[in-house]
Amino acid sequence: MIQAILVFNNHGKPRLVRFYQRFPEEIQQQIVRETFHLVLKRDDNICNFLEGGSLIGGSDYKLIYRHYATLYFVFCVDSSESELGILDLIQVHYILQEVVMGGMVLETNMNEIVAQIEAQNKLEKSEGGLSAAPARAVSAVKNINLPEMPRNINIGDLNIKVPNLSQFV
C-alpha cells in the first residue's frame, strides 16, 4: 500500500504532498524534509529504491523515487507494492487522481486509464452531467407505479412498519 506521495523541487520545496496515513502537520513536514535529504544525497546513477526514513516507518517501508529535471517524485510504500510497478506509476503522475485512490494503486496501464477517463466523460455527457442527477432521482421515485404503498413489511420474524411517505411524492 502507498503511504505517501511526495513531489518536491531540487531545493526541497514541496510541490505535491499526499499522505494516505494520518500524520500531524509538523510530522508531515519533517517527513518531507527527511525524505528530501535521503534522496538528494544519492547519485543519479544508482538504484531508485531505498529504505524509508525513521519518521515514515524505517526499514518496513521503501522510498521509490525518480528525478525528472528539477522535480523529485517519491512514493513511500510498504512491502506489498512492486518497486518496478511504482516506477511505472511515477511516469503517469499527471493523472494521479485516476491512478491512486485512498493509498491503493488502481491501475498502471495507460491505455486502460485513458479508456476509463473517456468512458466516464461520455457517461456524464449522456446523463446531462452530475448536476442533473438529483432531479433525475426524484423524478424516478415519483414515477414508481405501485398500486398501493405497502404499510407493513414482514420478513420471517422481522416486521417493519413503513411510515406515510405521501408528503414526499
N, C-alpha and C. Protein backbone atom coordinates (compact mmCIF):
# COMPACT_ATOMS: atom_id res chain seq x y z
N MET A 1 0.84 -1.18 0.00
CA MET A 1 0.00 0.00 0.00
C MET A 1 0.88 1.24 0.00
N ILE A 2 0.45 2.25 -0.69
CA ILE A 2 1.18 3.51 -0.73
C ILE A 2 0.86 4.29 0.54
N GLN A 3 1.89 4.73 1.24
CA GLN A 3 1.71 5.52 2.45
C GLN A 3 1.73 7.01 2.16
N ALA A 4 2.56 7.42 1.19
CA ALA A 4 2.66 8.84 0.87
C ALA A 4 3.21 9.01 -0.53
N ILE A 5 2.81 10.13 -1.16
CA ILE A 5 3.36 10.55 -2.44
C ILE A 5 3.87 11.97 -2.24
N LEU A 6 5.14 12.17 -2.54
CA LEU A 6 5.77 13.47 -2.35
C LEU A 6 6.42 13.91 -3.64
N VAL A 7 6.18 15.14 -4.01
CA VAL A 7 6.86 15.75 -5.16
C VAL A 7 7.47 17.03 -4.65
N PHE A 8 8.80 17.17 -4.79
CA PHE A 8 9.46 18.39 -4.36
C PHE A 8 10.53 18.77 -5.37
N ASN A 9 10.92 20.04 -5.35
CA ASN A 9 11.92 20.51 -6.31
C ASN A 9 13.32 20.23 -5.78
N ASN A 10 14.33 20.66 -6.54
CA ASN A 10 15.73 20.41 -6.18
C ASN A 10 16.15 21.09 -4.87
N HIS A 11 15.37 22.05 -4.41
CA HIS A 11 15.69 22.76 -3.17
C HIS A 11 14.89 22.23 -1.98
N GLY A 12 14.07 21.20 -2.19
CA GLY A 12 13.30 20.61 -1.11
C GLY A 12 11.95 21.24 -0.88
N LYS A 13 11.54 22.16 -1.74
CA LYS A 13 10.22 22.80 -1.58
C LYS A 13 9.14 21.85 -2.12
N PRO A 14 8.18 21.49 -1.28
CA PRO A 14 7.13 20.56 -1.72
C PRO A 14 6.24 21.16 -2.80
N ARG A 15 5.97 20.39 -3.82
CA ARG A 15 5.05 20.78 -4.89
C ARG A 15 3.75 19.99 -4.82
N LEU A 16 3.82 18.78 -4.31
CA LEU A 16 2.64 17.95 -4.09
C LEU A 16 2.94 17.05 -2.90
N VAL A 17 2.05 17.02 -1.94
CA VAL A 17 2.21 16.17 -0.76
C VAL A 17 0.89 15.47 -0.52
N ARG A 18 0.91 14.14 -0.58
CA ARG A 18 -0.29 13.34 -0.32
C ARG A 18 0.09 12.25 0.67
N PHE A 19 -0.56 12.24 1.81
CA PHE A 19 -0.36 11.19 2.79
C PHE A 19 -1.63 10.35 2.83
N TYR A 20 -1.47 9.02 2.78
CA TYR A 20 -2.60 8.11 2.86
C TYR A 20 -2.67 7.46 4.23
N GLN A 21 -1.89 7.99 5.15
CA GLN A 21 -1.90 7.61 6.55
C GLN A 21 -1.87 8.92 7.32
N ARG A 22 -2.62 9.00 8.40
CA ARG A 22 -2.71 10.27 9.14
C ARG A 22 -1.44 10.55 9.93
N PHE A 23 -0.91 11.76 9.70
CA PHE A 23 0.21 12.28 10.46
C PHE A 23 -0.12 13.73 10.81
N PRO A 24 0.30 14.20 11.98
CA PRO A 24 0.14 15.63 12.27
C PRO A 24 0.93 16.47 11.27
N GLU A 25 0.51 17.71 11.07
CA GLU A 25 1.11 18.58 10.07
C GLU A 25 2.63 18.72 10.25
N GLU A 26 3.09 18.90 11.49
CA GLU A 26 4.53 19.08 11.70
C GLU A 26 5.30 17.80 11.40
N ILE A 27 4.72 16.64 11.65
CA ILE A 27 5.38 15.37 11.32
C ILE A 27 5.44 15.22 9.80
N GLN A 28 4.37 15.63 9.10
CA GLN A 28 4.39 15.58 7.64
C GLN A 28 5.54 16.42 7.09
N GLN A 29 5.72 17.61 7.64
CA GLN A 29 6.80 18.47 7.18
C GLN A 29 8.17 17.85 7.47
N GLN A 30 8.31 17.21 8.62
CA GLN A 30 9.56 16.53 8.94
C GLN A 30 9.82 15.36 7.99
N ILE A 31 8.76 14.64 7.65
CA ILE A 31 8.89 13.52 6.71
C ILE A 31 9.35 14.02 5.35
N VAL A 32 8.77 15.13 4.88
CA VAL A 32 9.18 15.70 3.59
C VAL A 32 10.65 16.09 3.64
N ARG A 33 11.07 16.76 4.71
CA ARG A 33 12.49 17.17 4.83
C ARG A 33 13.42 15.97 4.88
N GLU A 34 13.07 14.98 5.71
CA GLU A 34 13.92 13.79 5.83
C GLU A 34 14.00 13.04 4.50
N THR A 35 12.87 12.89 3.83
CA THR A 35 12.85 12.20 2.54
C THR A 35 13.69 12.95 1.52
N PHE A 36 13.57 14.27 1.48
CA PHE A 36 14.36 15.08 0.56
C PHE A 36 15.85 14.85 0.79
N HIS A 37 16.28 14.87 2.05
CA HIS A 37 17.71 14.69 2.35
C HIS A 37 18.18 13.28 2.00
N LEU A 38 17.33 12.27 2.22
CA LEU A 38 17.71 10.90 1.85
C LEU A 38 17.89 10.75 0.35
N VAL A 39 16.98 11.33 -0.41
CA VAL A 39 17.01 11.19 -1.87
C VAL A 39 18.09 12.09 -2.49
N LEU A 40 18.25 13.29 -1.96
CA LEU A 40 19.20 14.25 -2.53
C LEU A 40 20.64 13.75 -2.50
N LYS A 41 21.02 13.07 -1.42
CA LYS A 41 22.42 12.65 -1.30
C LYS A 41 22.77 11.43 -2.15
N ARG A 42 21.79 10.87 -2.85
CA ARG A 42 22.06 9.70 -3.71
C ARG A 42 22.49 10.13 -5.09
N ASP A 43 23.41 9.38 -5.66
CA ASP A 43 23.91 9.64 -7.00
C ASP A 43 22.83 9.25 -8.02
N ASP A 44 22.78 9.97 -9.12
CA ASP A 44 21.77 9.70 -10.16
C ASP A 44 21.98 8.35 -10.84
N ASN A 45 23.15 7.76 -10.73
CA ASN A 45 23.45 6.51 -11.43
C ASN A 45 23.16 5.26 -10.61
N ILE A 46 22.59 5.41 -9.41
CA ILE A 46 22.32 4.23 -8.59
C ILE A 46 20.82 3.95 -8.53
N CYS A 47 20.49 2.85 -7.91
CA CYS A 47 19.12 2.36 -7.79
C CYS A 47 18.16 3.42 -7.25
N ASN A 48 16.92 3.41 -7.71
CA ASN A 48 15.91 4.39 -7.29
C ASN A 48 15.07 3.89 -6.12
N PHE A 49 15.55 2.89 -5.39
CA PHE A 49 14.83 2.36 -4.24
C PHE A 49 15.74 2.49 -3.01
N LEU A 50 15.15 2.88 -1.87
CA LEU A 50 15.89 2.89 -0.62
C LEU A 50 14.94 2.70 0.54
N GLU A 51 15.49 2.36 1.70
CA GLU A 51 14.65 2.18 2.88
C GLU A 51 14.02 3.49 3.29
N GLY A 52 12.81 3.39 3.85
CA GLY A 52 12.11 4.59 4.31
C GLY A 52 12.85 5.24 5.46
N GLY A 53 12.59 6.50 5.66
CA GLY A 53 13.22 7.23 6.75
C GLY A 53 12.66 6.79 8.09
N SER A 54 13.28 7.25 9.17
CA SER A 54 12.86 6.85 10.51
C SER A 54 11.45 7.34 10.85
N LEU A 55 11.03 8.45 10.27
CA LEU A 55 9.71 9.00 10.59
C LEU A 55 8.57 8.27 9.88
N ILE A 56 8.82 7.73 8.72
CA ILE A 56 7.75 7.12 7.92
C ILE A 56 7.65 5.61 8.14
N GLY A 57 8.51 5.02 8.91
CA GLY A 57 8.39 3.60 9.20
C GLY A 57 9.67 2.81 9.09
N GLY A 58 10.78 3.45 8.79
CA GLY A 58 12.08 2.79 8.76
C GLY A 58 12.19 1.71 7.70
N SER A 59 12.77 0.58 8.09
CA SER A 59 13.06 -0.48 7.12
C SER A 59 11.81 -1.23 6.67
N ASP A 60 10.67 -1.02 7.33
CA ASP A 60 9.43 -1.67 6.89
C ASP A 60 8.88 -1.04 5.62
N TYR A 61 9.35 0.14 5.28
CA TYR A 61 8.86 0.86 4.12
C TYR A 61 10.00 1.18 3.16
N LYS A 62 9.63 1.37 1.90
CA LYS A 62 10.61 1.72 0.88
C LYS A 62 10.26 3.07 0.28
N LEU A 63 11.28 3.80 -0.08
CA LEU A 63 11.10 5.03 -0.86
C LEU A 63 11.49 4.69 -2.28
N ILE A 64 10.57 4.93 -3.18
CA ILE A 64 10.82 4.71 -4.61
C ILE A 64 10.70 6.07 -5.25
N TYR A 65 11.74 6.48 -5.95
CA TYR A 65 11.76 7.86 -6.44
C TYR A 65 12.29 7.93 -7.86
N ARG A 66 12.02 9.05 -8.47
CA ARG A 66 12.52 9.36 -9.81
C ARG A 66 12.82 10.84 -9.84
N HIS A 67 13.94 11.22 -10.44
CA HIS A 67 14.32 12.62 -10.55
C HIS A 67 14.16 13.04 -12.00
N TYR A 68 13.21 13.93 -12.26
CA TYR A 68 12.97 14.47 -13.60
C TYR A 68 13.28 15.96 -13.56
N ALA A 69 14.24 16.40 -14.34
CA ALA A 69 14.61 17.82 -14.44
C ALA A 69 14.79 18.42 -13.06
N THR A 70 13.86 19.25 -12.60
CA THR A 70 14.02 19.91 -11.30
C THR A 70 13.09 19.33 -10.24
N LEU A 71 12.43 18.22 -10.53
CA LEU A 71 11.48 17.64 -9.57
C LEU A 71 11.86 16.22 -9.19
N TYR A 72 11.63 15.90 -7.92
CA TYR A 72 11.74 14.54 -7.40
C TYR A 72 10.33 14.03 -7.16
N PHE A 73 10.02 12.84 -7.65
CA PHE A 73 8.75 12.17 -7.40
C PHE A 73 9.07 10.99 -6.50
N VAL A 74 8.52 11.00 -5.29
CA VAL A 74 8.86 9.99 -4.30
C VAL A 74 7.57 9.32 -3.81
N PHE A 75 7.56 7.99 -3.83
CA PHE A 75 6.46 7.21 -3.28
C PHE A 75 7.00 6.44 -2.09
N CYS A 76 6.32 6.52 -0.98
CA CYS A 76 6.64 5.71 0.19
C CYS A 76 5.64 4.56 0.23
N VAL A 77 6.15 3.34 0.14
CA VAL A 77 5.27 2.17 0.04
C VAL A 77 5.70 1.10 1.04
N ASP A 78 4.77 0.20 1.34
CA ASP A 78 5.12 -0.94 2.18
C ASP A 78 5.56 -2.09 1.28
N SER A 79 5.88 -3.22 1.86
CA SER A 79 6.47 -4.34 1.11
C SER A 79 5.49 -5.00 0.14
N SER A 80 4.20 -4.69 0.21
CA SER A 80 3.23 -5.33 -0.69
C SER A 80 3.24 -4.73 -2.10
N GLU A 81 3.89 -3.59 -2.29
CA GLU A 81 3.92 -2.94 -3.61
C GLU A 81 5.16 -3.35 -4.40
N SER A 82 5.01 -3.41 -5.69
CA SER A 82 6.12 -3.72 -6.59
C SER A 82 6.92 -2.47 -6.89
N GLU A 83 8.23 -2.54 -6.70
CA GLU A 83 9.08 -1.38 -6.96
C GLU A 83 9.01 -0.95 -8.41
N LEU A 84 9.05 -1.92 -9.32
CA LEU A 84 9.00 -1.59 -10.74
C LEU A 84 7.63 -1.04 -11.14
N GLY A 85 6.59 -1.57 -10.53
CA GLY A 85 5.25 -1.05 -10.79
C GLY A 85 5.12 0.40 -10.35
N ILE A 86 5.72 0.73 -9.22
CA ILE A 86 5.67 2.11 -8.73
C ILE A 86 6.49 3.03 -9.64
N LEU A 87 7.64 2.54 -10.12
CA LEU A 87 8.41 3.36 -11.07
C LEU A 87 7.59 3.66 -12.32
N ASP A 88 6.84 2.67 -12.80
CA ASP A 88 5.93 2.90 -13.94
C ASP A 88 4.86 3.92 -13.56
N LEU A 89 4.35 3.81 -12.35
CA LEU A 89 3.31 4.72 -11.87
C LEU A 89 3.79 6.16 -11.84
N ILE A 90 5.03 6.37 -11.46
CA ILE A 90 5.57 7.72 -11.39
C ILE A 90 5.49 8.41 -12.75
N GLN A 91 5.58 7.64 -13.81
CA GLN A 91 5.55 8.22 -15.14
C GLN A 91 4.16 8.74 -15.52
N VAL A 92 3.13 8.36 -14.79
CA VAL A 92 1.77 8.85 -15.09
C VAL A 92 1.29 9.79 -14.00
N HIS A 93 2.20 10.57 -13.44
CA HIS A 93 1.87 11.45 -12.32
C HIS A 93 0.82 12.50 -12.66
N TYR A 94 0.69 12.89 -13.90
CA TYR A 94 -0.24 13.96 -14.25
C TYR A 94 -1.70 13.53 -14.20
N ILE A 95 -1.97 12.25 -14.07
CA ILE A 95 -3.35 11.81 -13.85
C ILE A 95 -3.43 10.99 -12.56
N LEU A 96 -2.75 11.49 -11.56
CA LEU A 96 -2.62 10.81 -10.28
C LEU A 96 -3.95 10.44 -9.65
N GLN A 97 -4.93 11.30 -9.76
CA GLN A 97 -6.22 11.03 -9.14
C GLN A 97 -6.90 9.79 -9.71
N GLU A 98 -6.63 9.48 -10.98
CA GLU A 98 -7.24 8.32 -11.60
C GLU A 98 -6.48 7.04 -11.29
N VAL A 99 -5.25 7.17 -10.79
CA VAL A 99 -4.40 6.01 -10.59
C VAL A 99 -4.37 5.56 -9.13
N VAL A 100 -4.34 6.50 -8.20
CA VAL A 100 -4.24 6.18 -6.78
C VAL A 100 -5.47 6.70 -6.07
N MET A 101 -6.12 5.82 -5.34
CA MET A 101 -7.28 6.24 -4.56
C MET A 101 -7.17 5.64 -3.17
N GLY A 102 -7.13 6.50 -2.17
CA GLY A 102 -7.07 6.03 -0.80
C GLY A 102 -5.82 5.23 -0.47
N GLY A 103 -4.74 5.49 -1.19
CA GLY A 103 -3.49 4.80 -0.91
C GLY A 103 -3.34 3.48 -1.64
N MET A 104 -4.29 3.12 -2.47
CA MET A 104 -4.22 1.86 -3.21
C MET A 104 -4.01 2.16 -4.69
N VAL A 105 -3.11 1.41 -5.31
CA VAL A 105 -2.88 1.54 -6.74
C VAL A 105 -4.04 0.87 -7.46
N LEU A 106 -4.75 1.66 -8.28
CA LEU A 106 -5.89 1.11 -9.00
C LEU A 106 -5.50 0.57 -10.36
N GLU A 107 -4.64 1.28 -11.06
CA GLU A 107 -4.29 0.89 -12.43
C GLU A 107 -3.00 1.57 -12.84
N THR A 108 -2.13 0.87 -13.59
CA THR A 108 -0.92 1.49 -14.12
C THR A 108 -0.84 1.39 -15.64
N ASN A 109 -1.79 0.70 -16.26
CA ASN A 109 -1.82 0.58 -17.72
C ASN A 109 -2.41 1.86 -18.31
N MET A 110 -1.59 2.63 -19.05
CA MET A 110 -2.01 3.93 -19.57
C MET A 110 -3.22 3.82 -20.49
N ASN A 111 -3.27 2.81 -21.33
CA ASN A 111 -4.41 2.65 -22.25
C ASN A 111 -5.71 2.43 -21.48
N GLU A 112 -5.63 1.64 -20.42
CA GLU A 112 -6.82 1.39 -19.60
C GLU A 112 -7.27 2.66 -18.88
N ILE A 113 -6.31 3.43 -18.37
CA ILE A 113 -6.64 4.68 -17.66
C ILE A 113 -7.33 5.65 -18.60
N VAL A 114 -6.77 5.84 -19.80
CA VAL A 114 -7.36 6.77 -20.78
C VAL A 114 -8.75 6.28 -21.19
N ALA A 115 -8.90 4.98 -21.39
CA ALA A 115 -10.21 4.44 -21.78
C ALA A 115 -11.25 4.70 -20.68
N GLN A 116 -10.86 4.53 -19.42
CA GLN A 116 -11.79 4.76 -18.31
C GLN A 116 -12.16 6.23 -18.19
N ILE A 117 -11.20 7.12 -18.40
CA ILE A 117 -11.49 8.55 -18.34
C ILE A 117 -12.45 8.94 -19.45
N GLU A 118 -12.22 8.43 -20.66
CA GLU A 118 -13.12 8.72 -21.79
C GLU A 118 -14.52 8.15 -21.55
N ALA A 119 -14.60 6.95 -21.00
CA ALA A 119 -15.91 6.35 -20.71
C ALA A 119 -16.66 7.17 -19.66
N GLN A 120 -15.96 7.64 -18.64
CA GLN A 120 -16.59 8.46 -17.61
C GLN A 120 -17.10 9.77 -18.19
N ASN A 121 -16.30 10.41 -19.03
CA ASN A 121 -16.72 11.66 -19.67
C ASN A 121 -17.94 11.44 -20.55
N LYS A 122 -17.96 10.36 -21.30
CA LYS A 122 -19.10 10.05 -22.18
C LYS A 122 -20.37 9.80 -21.36
N LEU A 123 -20.24 9.09 -20.26
CA LEU A 123 -21.38 8.82 -19.39
C LEU A 123 -21.94 10.09 -18.79
N GLU A 124 -21.06 10.97 -18.31
CA GLU A 124 -21.51 12.23 -17.73
C GLU A 124 -22.23 13.10 -18.77
N LYS A 125 -21.72 13.14 -20.00
CA LYS A 125 -22.37 13.93 -21.05
C LYS A 125 -23.73 13.35 -21.40
N SER A 126 -23.84 12.02 -21.48
CA SER A 126 -25.12 11.41 -21.86
C SER A 126 -26.18 11.58 -20.77
N GLU A 127 -25.76 11.71 -19.52
CA GLU A 127 -26.71 11.87 -18.42
C GLU A 127 -26.96 13.33 -18.08
N GLY A 128 -26.39 14.23 -18.83
CA GLY A 128 -26.60 15.65 -18.56
C GLY A 128 -25.72 16.18 -17.45
N GLY A 129 -24.66 15.45 -17.14
CA GLY A 129 -23.74 15.91 -16.10
C GLY A 129 -24.21 15.52 -14.72
N LEU A 130 -23.34 15.68 -13.77
CA LEU A 130 -23.65 15.31 -12.40
C LEU A 130 -24.69 16.22 -11.77
N SER A 131 -24.78 17.46 -12.22
CA SER A 131 -25.72 18.40 -11.60
C SER A 131 -27.17 18.00 -11.82
N ALA A 132 -27.45 17.23 -12.87
CA ALA A 132 -28.82 16.82 -13.15
C ALA A 132 -29.21 15.53 -12.42
N ALA A 133 -28.28 14.86 -11.77
CA ALA A 133 -28.55 13.58 -11.12
C ALA A 133 -29.62 13.65 -10.04
N PRO A 134 -29.59 14.64 -9.12
CA PRO A 134 -30.64 14.67 -8.09
C PRO A 134 -32.05 14.81 -8.68
N ALA A 135 -32.20 15.63 -9.69
CA ALA A 135 -33.52 15.82 -10.30
C ALA A 135 -34.00 14.52 -10.95
N ARG A 136 -33.09 13.80 -11.61
CA ARG A 136 -33.47 12.52 -12.23
C ARG A 136 -33.86 11.49 -11.17
N ALA A 137 -33.19 11.51 -10.02
CA ALA A 137 -33.51 10.56 -8.95
C ALA A 137 -34.90 10.84 -8.39
N VAL A 138 -35.25 12.09 -8.14
CA VAL A 138 -36.57 12.45 -7.63
C VAL A 138 -37.63 12.08 -8.64
N SER A 139 -37.38 12.35 -9.91
CA SER A 139 -38.33 12.01 -10.96
C SER A 139 -38.57 10.50 -11.02
N ALA A 140 -37.52 9.72 -10.87
CA ALA A 140 -37.65 8.27 -10.92
C ALA A 140 -38.49 7.76 -9.75
N VAL A 141 -38.30 8.33 -8.57
CA VAL A 141 -39.09 7.90 -7.41
C VAL A 141 -40.55 8.27 -7.60
N LYS A 142 -40.83 9.47 -8.13
CA LYS A 142 -42.22 9.89 -8.35
C LYS A 142 -42.92 9.01 -9.37
N ASN A 143 -42.16 8.48 -10.32
CA ASN A 143 -42.76 7.68 -11.39
C ASN A 143 -42.89 6.20 -11.06
N ILE A 144 -42.58 5.81 -9.83
CA ILE A 144 -42.76 4.41 -9.44
C ILE A 144 -44.26 4.12 -9.46
N ASN A 145 -44.64 3.10 -10.18
CA ASN A 145 -46.06 2.79 -10.37
C ASN A 145 -46.46 1.63 -9.46
N LEU A 146 -46.73 1.94 -8.21
CA LEU A 146 -47.22 0.93 -7.27
C LEU A 146 -48.71 1.16 -7.06
N PRO A 147 -49.50 0.10 -7.08
CA PRO A 147 -50.94 0.28 -6.87
C PRO A 147 -51.23 0.86 -5.48
N GLU A 148 -50.49 0.44 -4.50
CA GLU A 148 -50.67 0.96 -3.15
C GLU A 148 -49.35 0.81 -2.41
N MET A 149 -48.99 1.82 -1.67
CA MET A 149 -47.75 1.78 -0.92
C MET A 149 -47.91 0.80 0.24
N PRO A 150 -47.01 -0.18 0.38
CA PRO A 150 -47.13 -1.13 1.50
C PRO A 150 -46.98 -0.42 2.84
N ARG A 151 -47.76 -0.84 3.83
CA ARG A 151 -47.71 -0.24 5.17
C ARG A 151 -46.88 -1.08 6.14
N ASN A 152 -46.88 -2.39 5.93
CA ASN A 152 -46.11 -3.29 6.79
C ASN A 152 -45.35 -4.26 5.91
N ILE A 153 -44.12 -4.51 6.27
CA ILE A 153 -43.29 -5.48 5.55
C ILE A 153 -42.92 -6.57 6.54
N ASN A 154 -43.25 -7.80 6.21
CA ASN A 154 -42.95 -8.94 7.08
C ASN A 154 -41.96 -9.84 6.37
N ILE A 155 -40.82 -10.04 7.03
CA ILE A 155 -39.80 -10.94 6.50
C ILE A 155 -39.44 -11.89 7.64
N GLY A 156 -40.00 -13.07 7.60
CA GLY A 156 -39.76 -14.02 8.68
C GLY A 156 -40.26 -13.44 10.00
N ASP A 157 -39.39 -13.36 10.99
CA ASP A 157 -39.75 -12.81 12.30
C ASP A 157 -39.62 -11.30 12.35
N LEU A 158 -39.18 -10.70 11.28
CA LEU A 158 -38.94 -9.26 11.23
C LEU A 158 -40.16 -8.54 10.66
N ASN A 159 -40.73 -7.62 11.43
CA ASN A 159 -41.87 -6.82 10.98
C ASN A 159 -41.44 -5.36 10.93
N ILE A 160 -41.64 -4.73 9.79
CA ILE A 160 -41.23 -3.34 9.60
C ILE A 160 -42.46 -2.52 9.26
N LYS A 161 -42.70 -1.44 10.01
CA LYS A 161 -43.78 -0.50 9.73
C LYS A 161 -43.24 0.57 8.81
N VAL A 162 -43.90 0.79 7.69
CA VAL A 162 -43.48 1.81 6.73
C VAL A 162 -44.21 3.11 7.04
N PRO A 163 -43.45 4.20 7.23
CA PRO A 163 -44.12 5.47 7.53
C PRO A 163 -44.86 5.99 6.29
N ASN A 164 -45.77 6.95 6.51
CA ASN A 164 -46.52 7.55 5.43
C ASN A 164 -45.59 8.42 4.61
N LEU A 165 -45.37 8.07 3.36
CA LEU A 165 -44.44 8.80 2.50
C LEU A 165 -45.13 9.71 1.50
N SER A 166 -46.45 9.86 1.60
CA SER A 166 -47.18 10.64 0.61
C SER A 166 -46.72 12.10 0.58
N GLN A 167 -46.21 12.61 1.67
CA GLN A 167 -45.75 14.00 1.68
C GLN A 167 -44.53 14.21 0.80
N PHE A 168 -43.77 13.15 0.49
CA PHE A 168 -42.58 13.27 -0.32
C PHE A 168 -42.83 13.07 -1.81
N VAL A 169 -43.98 12.50 -2.17
CA VAL A 169 -44.24 12.18 -3.58
C VAL A 169 -44.99 13.27 -4.28
